[in-house]
């Protein structure tokens, strides 16, 4: 009986170790801040983008471009990225009074999971004013795990959870300014929790069943 218990503990340790090792792999980093003049009006507000100092590094920046006759646009982001946890916030504002100019704060990380992994997501989108919009999306090769959009003065909180099959996924958060001077924003937290392998769990269940049958047989013989 002691030998069976020892084997049971070894298998349990193996299952736990495998779950801990089954981390995600970070593939690509598409985070950026952008301020643009899509109408091509040719003023001091030009098309510019800003990226993290290195892929997957902490990104904590705020940038403002302005024209004395038109106004200003600001885009900011404060995010961190780790293999099994990522999140933060982003915001934009536009004081020009027109959607001819646009500021965006984009979070886009592609990652791979090697085994089935549970995930949890919680966040808020605020699209302040006309023509502002915000997006939360988690997509994989089989389609979207979730896809949320707010626009034109809407704001909403979201919570999602589920299990990701092995494969590549992209987590996206975007906020774009509209014509309003009010600040639009996103904020979220995302976490992955690798699950124990089915084989290890089946082995544990089978061992427990054999142990119970053995004890029942000894009691019957007695």
Protein backbone atom coordinates (compact mmCIF):
# COMPACT_ATOMS: atom_id res chain seq x y z
CA UNK A 1 0.00 0.00 0.00
CA UNK A 2 2.89 2.34 0.81
CA UNK A 3 4.44 1.54 -2.59
CA UNK A 4 1.17 2.40 -4.33
CA UNK A 5 0.98 5.69 -2.47
CA UNK A 6 4.54 6.55 -3.47
CA UNK A 7 3.78 5.83 -7.15
CA UNK A 8 0.63 7.94 -6.90
CA UNK A 9 2.63 10.87 -5.53
CA UNK A 10 5.27 10.54 -8.26
CA UNK A 11 2.61 10.61 -11.00
CA UNK A 12 0.91 13.58 -9.36
CA UNK A 13 4.23 15.43 -9.27
CA UNK A 14 4.84 14.64 -12.94
CA UNK A 15 1.41 15.98 -13.89
CA UNK A 16 2.01 19.19 -11.93
CA UNK A 17 5.48 19.64 -13.44
CA UNK A 18 4.15 19.16 -16.95
CA UNK A 19 1.40 21.71 -16.38
CA UNK A 20 3.92 24.24 -15.08
CA UNK A 21 6.26 23.65 -18.02
CA UNK A 22 3.52 24.01 -20.64
CA UNK A 23 3.93 27.76 -20.89
CA UNK A 24 3.05 29.88 -23.90
CA UNK A 25 5.69 31.16 -26.33
CA UNK A 26 5.67 34.82 -27.35
CA UNK A 27 5.84 35.10 -31.15
CA UNK A 28 5.41 38.73 -32.26
CA UNK A 29 4.81 42.18 -30.79
CA UNK A 30 2.65 44.66 -32.70
CA UNK A 31 2.08 47.26 -29.99
CA UNK A 32 2.21 50.86 -31.14
CA UNK A 33 1.00 54.41 -30.72
CA UNK A 34 0.01 56.30 -33.88
CA UNK A 35 -0.97 59.86 -34.67
CA UNK A 36 -2.06 60.50 -38.23
CA UNK A 37 -3.47 62.99 -40.68
CA UNK A 38 -5.39 60.63 -43.00
CA UNK A 39 -6.95 63.58 -44.86
CA UNK A 40 -3.50 64.85 -45.82
CA UNK A 41 -4.11 68.43 -44.67
CA UNK A 42 -0.37 69.08 -44.43
CA UNK A 43 -0.23 70.83 -41.07
CA UNK A 44 2.19 70.29 -38.21
CA UNK A 45 0.30 67.14 -37.17
CA UNK A 46 2.00 64.43 -39.24
CA UNK A 47 1.81 60.65 -39.54
CA UNK A 48 4.02 59.20 -36.78
CA UNK A 49 4.20 55.90 -34.91
CA UNK A 50 5.91 54.85 -31.69
CA UNK A 51 6.81 51.28 -30.66
CA UNK A 52 8.21 49.61 -27.52
CA UNK A 53 11.99 49.86 -27.01
CA UNK A 54 12.27 46.12 -27.71
CA UNK A 55 9.80 43.31 -28.49
CA UNK A 56 7.80 42.31 -25.39
CA UNK A 57 9.52 44.95 -23.23
CA UNK A 58 7.43 47.13 -20.90
CA UNK A 59 5.79 49.89 -22.96
CA UNK A 60 5.05 53.02 -20.95
CA UNK A 61 4.89 56.08 -23.21
CA UNK A 62 2.70 59.08 -24.01
CA UNK A 63 3.08 61.28 -27.10
CA UNK A 64 1.37 64.51 -28.15
CA UNK A 65 1.51 66.29 -31.49
CA UNK A 66 -0.07 69.70 -31.87
CA UNK A 67 -0.66 72.57 -34.24
CA UNK A 68 -1.26 76.05 -32.77
CA UNK A 69 -4.12 76.72 -35.17
CA UNK A 70 -5.80 73.30 -35.06
CA UNK A 71 -5.26 71.60 -31.70
CA UNK A 72 -3.51 68.45 -30.50
CA UNK A 73 -3.68 64.67 -30.47
CA UNK A 74 -2.35 62.43 -27.72
CA UNK A 75 -1.79 58.67 -27.62
CA UNK A 76 -0.50 56.72 -24.63
CA UNK A 77 0.01 53.17 -23.44
CA UNK A 78 1.31 51.42 -20.32
CA UNK A 79 1.51 47.65 -20.81
CA UNK A 80 3.55 44.62 -19.78
CA UNK A 81 3.88 41.29 -21.56
CA UNK A 82 4.89 37.94 -20.08
CA UNK A 83 4.46 34.42 -21.43
CA UNK A 84 1.36 33.65 -19.35
CA UNK A 85 0.15 37.10 -18.31
CA UNK A 86 -0.24 40.44 -20.06
CA UNK A 87 -2.22 43.63 -19.69
CA UNK A 88 -2.29 47.33 -18.95
CA UNK A 89 -4.01 50.40 -20.37
CA UNK A 90 -4.08 52.69 -23.38
CA UNK A 91 -5.70 56.07 -24.09
CA UNK A 92 -6.15 58.65 -26.84
CA UNK A 93 -7.55 62.18 -27.13
CA UNK A 94 -8.20 64.67 -29.92
CA UNK A 95 -8.72 68.40 -29.36
CA UNK A 96 -8.85 69.35 -33.04
CA UNK A 97 -12.63 69.04 -33.14
CA UNK A 98 -12.54 66.91 -36.27
CA UNK A 99 -12.03 63.23 -37.08
CA UNK A 100 -9.79 64.22 -40.00
CA UNK A 101 -7.03 63.62 -37.46
CA UNK A 102 -6.72 60.38 -35.52
CA UNK A 103 -4.77 59.03 -32.56
CA UNK A 104 -4.65 55.29 -31.83
CA UNK A 105 -3.23 53.09 -29.09
CA UNK A 106 -2.83 49.47 -30.18
CA UNK A 107 -1.92 46.34 -28.19
CA UNK A 108 -1.26 43.30 -30.40
CA UNK A 109 0.61 40.23 -29.18
CA UNK A 110 0.80 36.87 -30.95
CA UNK A 111 1.63 33.82 -28.83
CA UNK A 112 1.56 30.03 -29.08
CA UNK A 113 0.38 27.47 -26.55
CA UNK A 114 1.77 23.95 -26.76
CA UNK A 115 -0.98 22.31 -24.71
CA UNK A 116 -4.57 23.08 -23.78
CA UNK A 117 -4.57 26.18 -21.58
CA UNK A 118 -7.36 27.87 -19.66
CA UNK A 119 -7.53 31.65 -19.96
CA UNK A 120 -9.19 34.54 -18.16
CA UNK A 121 -9.75 38.03 -19.52
CA UNK A 122 -11.27 41.14 -17.98
CA UNK A 123 -11.29 44.63 -19.44
CA UNK A 124 -13.08 47.89 -20.18
CA UNK A 125 -13.47 49.85 -23.42
CA UNK A 126 -14.44 53.55 -23.45
CA UNK A 127 -15.10 55.15 -26.86
CA UNK A 128 -15.77 58.77 -25.90
CA UNK A 129 -17.60 60.87 -28.44
CA UNK A 130 -18.65 60.55 -32.07
CA UNK A 131 -16.51 58.38 -34.37
CA UNK A 132 -14.32 57.00 -31.58
CA UNK A 133 -14.11 53.20 -31.40
CA UNK A 134 -12.47 50.44 -29.37
CA UNK A 135 -11.83 46.72 -29.94
CA UNK A 136 -10.97 43.69 -27.80
CA UNK A 137 -10.29 40.49 -29.78
CA UNK A 138 -8.67 37.11 -29.18
CA UNK A 139 -8.30 35.18 -32.42
CA UNK A 140 -6.74 31.89 -33.50
CA UNK A 141 -6.56 29.70 -36.59
CA UNK A 142 -10.08 28.37 -35.91
CA UNK A 143 -11.60 31.86 -35.58
CA UNK A 144 -12.27 34.36 -32.80
CA UNK A 145 -12.43 33.29 -29.16
CA UNK A 146 -14.08 36.67 -28.52
CA UNK A 147 -14.53 39.91 -30.45
CA UNK A 148 -15.93 43.08 -28.84
CA UNK A 149 -16.50 46.53 -30.37
CA UNK A 150 -17.67 49.82 -28.84
CA UNK A 151 -18.09 53.13 -30.68
CA UNK A 152 -19.68 56.60 -30.72
CA UNK A 153 -19.75 57.33 -27.00
CA UNK A 154 -20.22 53.76 -25.76
CA UNK A 155 -18.35 52.19 -22.84
CA UNK A 156 -18.55 48.63 -21.61
CA UNK A 157 -16.81 46.12 -19.35
CA UNK A 158 -16.11 42.58 -20.55
CA UNK A 159 -15.19 39.29 -18.92
CA UNK A 160 -14.20 36.18 -20.85
CA UNK A 161 -12.84 32.74 -19.99
CA UNK A 162 -12.33 29.45 -21.78
CA UNK A 163 -9.77 26.89 -22.87
CA UNK A 164 -7.37 27.41 -25.78
CA UNK A 165 -6.39 24.40 -27.89
CA UNK A 166 -2.72 24.14 -28.88
CA UNK A 167 -1.84 26.68 -31.56
CA UNK A 168 -1.14 30.35 -32.27
CA UNK A 169 -3.35 33.22 -31.06
CA UNK A 170 -3.36 37.02 -31.27
CA UNK A 171 -4.67 39.23 -28.47
CA UNK A 172 -5.71 42.65 -29.77
CA UNK A 173 -6.81 45.85 -28.00
CA UNK A 174 -7.33 49.06 -29.98
CA UNK A 175 -8.70 52.48 -29.14
CA UNK A 176 -9.05 55.25 -31.76
CA UNK A 177 -9.99 58.86 -31.16
CA UNK A 178 -13.03 60.44 -32.75
CA UNK A 179 -13.95 64.10 -33.10
CA UNK A 180 -14.50 64.61 -29.35
CA UNK A 181 -11.86 66.04 -27.03
CA UNK A 182 -12.86 63.51 -24.35
CA UNK A 183 -10.37 60.72 -23.62
CA UNK A 184 -11.09 57.27 -25.03
CA UNK A 185 -9.37 54.28 -23.44
CA UNK A 186 -8.96 50.57 -22.89
CA UNK A 187 -7.68 48.59 -19.91
CA UNK A 188 -7.44 44.82 -19.46
CA UNK A 189 -5.76 41.85 -17.80
CA UNK A 190 -5.21 38.50 -19.54
CA UNK A 191 -3.87 35.30 -17.96
CA UNK A 192 -3.13 31.78 -19.20
CA UNK A 193 -3.16 28.71 -16.94
CA UNK A 194 -1.80 25.50 -18.58
CA UNK A 195 -3.90 22.43 -17.78
CA UNK A 196 -2.48 19.06 -16.65
CA UNK A 197 -2.14 16.56 -19.49
CA UNK A 198 -5.01 14.15 -20.01
CA UNK A 199 -2.58 11.20 -20.02
CA UNK A 200 -1.25 12.04 -16.57
CA UNK A 201 -4.76 12.48 -15.18
CA UNK A 202 -5.90 9.16 -16.68
CA UNK A 203 -2.87 7.44 -15.15
CA UNK A 204 -3.72 8.85 -11.74
CA UNK A 205 -7.35 7.74 -12.05
CA UNK A 206 -6.34 4.25 -13.21
CA UNK A 207 -3.86 3.85 -10.36
CA UNK A 208 -6.48 4.94 -7.84
CA UNK A 209 -8.98 2.44 -9.27
CA UNK A 210 -6.45 -0.42 -9.09
CA UNK A 211 -5.61 0.50 -5.51
CA UNK A 212 -9.30 0.47 -4.54
CA UNK A 213 -9.85 -2.92 -6.23
CA UNK A 214 -6.83 -4.39 -4.44
CA UNK A 215 -8.05 -3.22 -1.04
CA UNK A 216 -11.55 -4.55 -1.76
CA UNK A 217 -10.10 -7.94 -2.79
CA UNK A 218 -8.02 -8.21 0.39
CA UNK A 219 -11.06 -7.40 2.52
CA UNK A 220 -13.09 -10.05 0.68
CA UNK A 221 -10.38 -12.69 1.20
CA UNK A 222 -10.20 -11.85 4.89
